[in-house]
Amino acid sequence: MISMNKNEKQEKKQENEEGKTYYMPLYMSMGLSVGLALGAAFHNIPIGMSIGLCLGMCIGASMDAANNRKNGNASEETDEEETEASEEDREEGSL
């Protein structure tokens, strides 16, 4: 058996985490840029930046969620918690 020391385990963990793709920062910056351009065109830069940032965050969050579902990275704990909560709701309703 090959045993790993603490540093090797930490390096392996970092390698696994580096392979993930995060879309939120990408779409936030793109949304901010587009919002800035639209805000400048309509002579209302703060509103345009706000709308662009919000849209970028929404798109980035949905892309991250889709990527996590596709790769099977969705946490099993949340599924179990949802199941337990729905079972509790059913039990309360039947009483």
C-alpha atoms as a PDB file:
ATOM      1  CA  MET A   1       0.000   0.000   0.000  1.00  0.00           C
ATOM      2  CA  ILE A   2       1.150   3.456  -0.818  1.00  0.00           C
ATOM      3  CA  SER A   3       0.519   6.028   1.852  1.00  0.00           C
ATOM      4  CA  MET A   4       0.257   9.724   1.126  1.00  0.00           C
ATOM      5  CA  ASN A   5       1.519  12.341   3.461  1.00  0.00           C
ATOM      6  CA  LYS A   6      -0.548  15.404   4.293  1.00  0.00           C
ATOM      7  CA  ASN A   7       1.064  17.639   1.641  1.00  0.00           C
ATOM      8  CA  GLU A   8       0.436  15.137  -1.144  1.00  0.00           C
ATOM      9  CA  LYS A   9      -3.219  14.833  -0.156  1.00  0.00           C
ATOM     10  CA  GLN A  10      -3.565  18.616  -0.095  1.00  0.00           C
ATOM     11  CA  GLU A  11      -1.947  18.946  -3.539  1.00  0.00           C
ATOM     12  CA  LYS A  12      -4.255  16.287  -4.965  1.00  0.00           C
ATOM     13  CA  LYS A  13      -7.286  18.074  -3.508  1.00  0.00           C
ATOM     14  CA  GLN A  14      -6.166  21.369  -5.070  1.00  0.00           C
ATOM     15  CA  GLU A  15      -5.752  19.692  -8.461  1.00  0.00           C
ATOM     16  CA  ASN A  16      -9.325  18.396  -8.305  1.00  0.00           C
ATOM     17  CA  GLU A  17     -10.683  21.804  -7.345  1.00  0.00           C
ATOM     18  CA  GLU A  18      -8.786  23.553 -10.150  1.00  0.00           C
ATOM     19  CA  GLY A  19     -10.608  21.481 -12.766  1.00  0.00           C
ATOM     20  CA  LYS A  20     -13.975  23.051 -11.923  1.00  0.00           C
ATOM     21  CA  THR A  21     -15.453  25.754 -14.116  1.00  0.00           C
ATOM     22  CA  TYR A  22     -17.128  28.747 -12.538  1.00  0.00           C
ATOM     23  CA  TYR A  23     -19.366  30.805 -14.794  1.00  0.00           C
ATOM     24  CA  MET A  24     -20.617  33.404 -12.308  1.00  0.00           C
ATOM     25  CA  PRO A  25     -17.593  35.783 -12.461  1.00  0.00           C
ATOM     26  CA  LEU A  26     -17.430  35.490 -16.239  1.00  0.00           C
ATOM     27  CA  TYR A  27     -21.072  36.376 -16.801  1.00  0.00           C
ATOM     28  CA  MET A  28     -21.028  39.058 -14.094  1.00  0.00           C
ATOM     29  CA  SER A  29     -18.242  40.885 -15.897  1.00  0.00           C
ATOM     30  CA  MET A  30     -19.870  40.400 -19.299  1.00  0.00           C
ATOM     31  CA  GLY A  31     -23.214  41.633 -17.958  1.00  0.00           C
ATOM     32  CA  LEU A  32     -21.550  44.626 -16.356  1.00  0.00           C
ATOM     33  CA  SER A  33     -19.852  45.501 -19.654  1.00  0.00           C
ATOM     34  CA  VAL A  34     -23.037  45.170 -21.675  1.00  0.00           C
ATOM     35  CA  GLY A  35     -24.974  47.100 -19.030  1.00  0.00           C
ATOM     36  CA  LEU A  36     -22.409  49.871 -19.101  1.00  0.00           C
ATOM     37  CA  ALA A  37     -22.693  50.138 -22.879  1.00  0.00           C
ATOM     38  CA  LEU A  38     -26.493  50.177 -22.749  1.00  0.00           C
ATOM     39  CA  GLY A  39     -26.458  52.663 -19.877  1.00  0.00           C
ATOM     40  CA  ALA A  40     -24.207  54.977 -21.838  1.00  0.00           C
ATOM     41  CA  ALA A  41     -26.435  54.659 -24.896  1.00  0.00           C
ATOM     42  CA  PHE A  42     -29.561  55.545 -22.885  1.00  0.00           C
ATOM     43  CA  HIS A  43     -27.788  58.214 -20.764  1.00  0.00           C
ATOM     44  CA  ASN A  44     -28.360  56.332 -17.514  1.00  0.00           C
ATOM     45  CA  ILE A  45     -25.165  54.473 -16.659  1.00  0.00           C
ATOM     46  CA  PRO A  46     -26.002  53.393 -13.058  1.00  0.00           C
ATOM     47  CA  ILE A  47     -29.284  51.749 -14.070  1.00  0.00           C
ATOM     48  CA  GLY A  48     -27.667  50.041 -17.056  1.00  0.00           C
ATOM     49  CA  MET A  49     -24.801  48.708 -14.941  1.00  0.00           C
ATOM     50  CA  SER A  50     -27.215  47.445 -12.285  1.00  0.00           C
ATOM     51  CA  ILE A  51     -29.398  45.646 -14.797  1.00  0.00           C
ATOM     52  CA  GLY A  52     -26.376  44.173 -16.578  1.00  0.00           C
ATOM     53  CA  LEU A  53     -24.844  42.971 -13.319  1.00  0.00           C
ATOM     54  CA  CYS A  54     -28.109  41.352 -12.203  1.00  0.00           C
ATOM     55  CA  LEU A  55     -28.603  39.620 -15.535  1.00  0.00           C
ATOM     56  CA  GLY A  56     -24.990  38.422 -15.503  1.00  0.00           C
ATOM     57  CA  MET A  57     -25.401  37.009 -12.007  1.00  0.00           C
ATOM     58  CA  CYS A  58     -28.599  35.194 -12.976  1.00  0.00           C
ATOM     59  CA  ILE A  59     -27.095  33.699 -16.109  1.00  0.00           C
ATOM     60  CA  GLY A  60     -23.869  32.746 -14.299  1.00  0.00           C
ATOM     61  CA  ALA A  61     -25.726  31.100 -11.426  1.00  0.00           C
ATOM     62  CA  SER A  62     -27.900  29.098 -13.806  1.00  0.00           C
ATOM     63  CA  MET A  63     -24.851  28.006 -15.831  1.00  0.00           C
ATOM     64  CA  ASP A  64     -23.042  26.939 -12.647  1.00  0.00           C
ATOM     65  CA  ALA A  65     -26.083  24.970 -11.497  1.00  0.00           C
ATOM     66  CA  ALA A  66     -26.442  23.280 -14.879  1.00  0.00           C
ATOM     67  CA  ASN A  67     -22.739  22.431 -14.904  1.00  0.00           C
ATOM     68  CA  ASN A  68     -22.962  20.964 -11.400  1.00  0.00           C
ATOM     69  CA  ARG A  69     -25.974  18.857 -12.359  1.00  0.00           C
ATOM     70  CA  LYS A  70     -24.308  17.652 -15.544  1.00  0.00           C
ATOM     71  CA  ASN A  71     -21.140  16.627 -13.732  1.00  0.00           C
ATOM     72  CA  GLY A  72     -23.004  15.083 -10.808  1.00  0.00           C
ATOM     73  CA  ASN A  73     -21.536  17.545  -8.302  1.00  0.00           C
ATOM     74  CA  ALA A  74     -24.904  18.291  -6.720  1.00  0.00           C
ATOM     75  CA  SER A  75     -24.666  17.591  -3.034  1.00  0.00           C
ATOM     76  CA  GLU A  76     -26.470  14.501  -1.873  1.00  0.00           C
ATOM     77  CA  GLU A  77     -27.054  16.117   1.500  1.00  0.00           C
ATOM     78  CA  THR A  78     -29.468  18.686   0.081  1.00  0.00           C
ATOM     79  CA  ASP A  79     -31.459  15.944  -1.646  1.00  0.00           C
ATOM     80  CA  GLU A  80     -31.711  14.033   1.619  1.00  0.00           C
ATOM     81  CA  GLU A  81     -32.733  17.173   3.508  1.00  0.00           C
ATOM     82  CA  GLU A  82     -35.447  17.944   0.959  1.00  0.00           C
ATOM     83  CA  THR A  83     -36.763  14.388   1.216  1.00  0.00           C
ATOM     84  CA  GLU A  84     -36.843  14.549   5.005  1.00  0.00           C
ATOM     85  CA  ALA A  85     -38.586  17.931   4.940  1.00  0.00           C
ATOM     86  CA  SER A  86     -41.252  16.718   2.520  1.00  0.00           C
ATOM     87  CA  GLU A  87     -41.862  13.597   4.636  1.00  0.00           C
ATOM     88  CA  GLU A  88     -42.307  15.783   7.721  1.00  0.00           C
ATOM     89  CA  ASP A  89     -44.776  17.998   5.854  1.00  0.00           C
ATOM     90  CA  ARG A  90     -46.816  14.969   4.837  1.00  0.00           C
ATOM     91  CA  GLU A  91     -46.862  13.658   8.391  1.00  0.00           C
ATOM     92  CA  GLU A  92     -48.042  17.016   9.752  1.00  0.00           C
ATOM     93  CA  GLY A  93     -50.749  17.231   7.114  1.00  0.00           C
ATOM     94  CA  SER A  94     -52.146  13.797   7.928  1.00  0.00           C
ATOM     95  CA  LEU A  95     -52.511  14.541  11.643  1.00  0.00           C
END
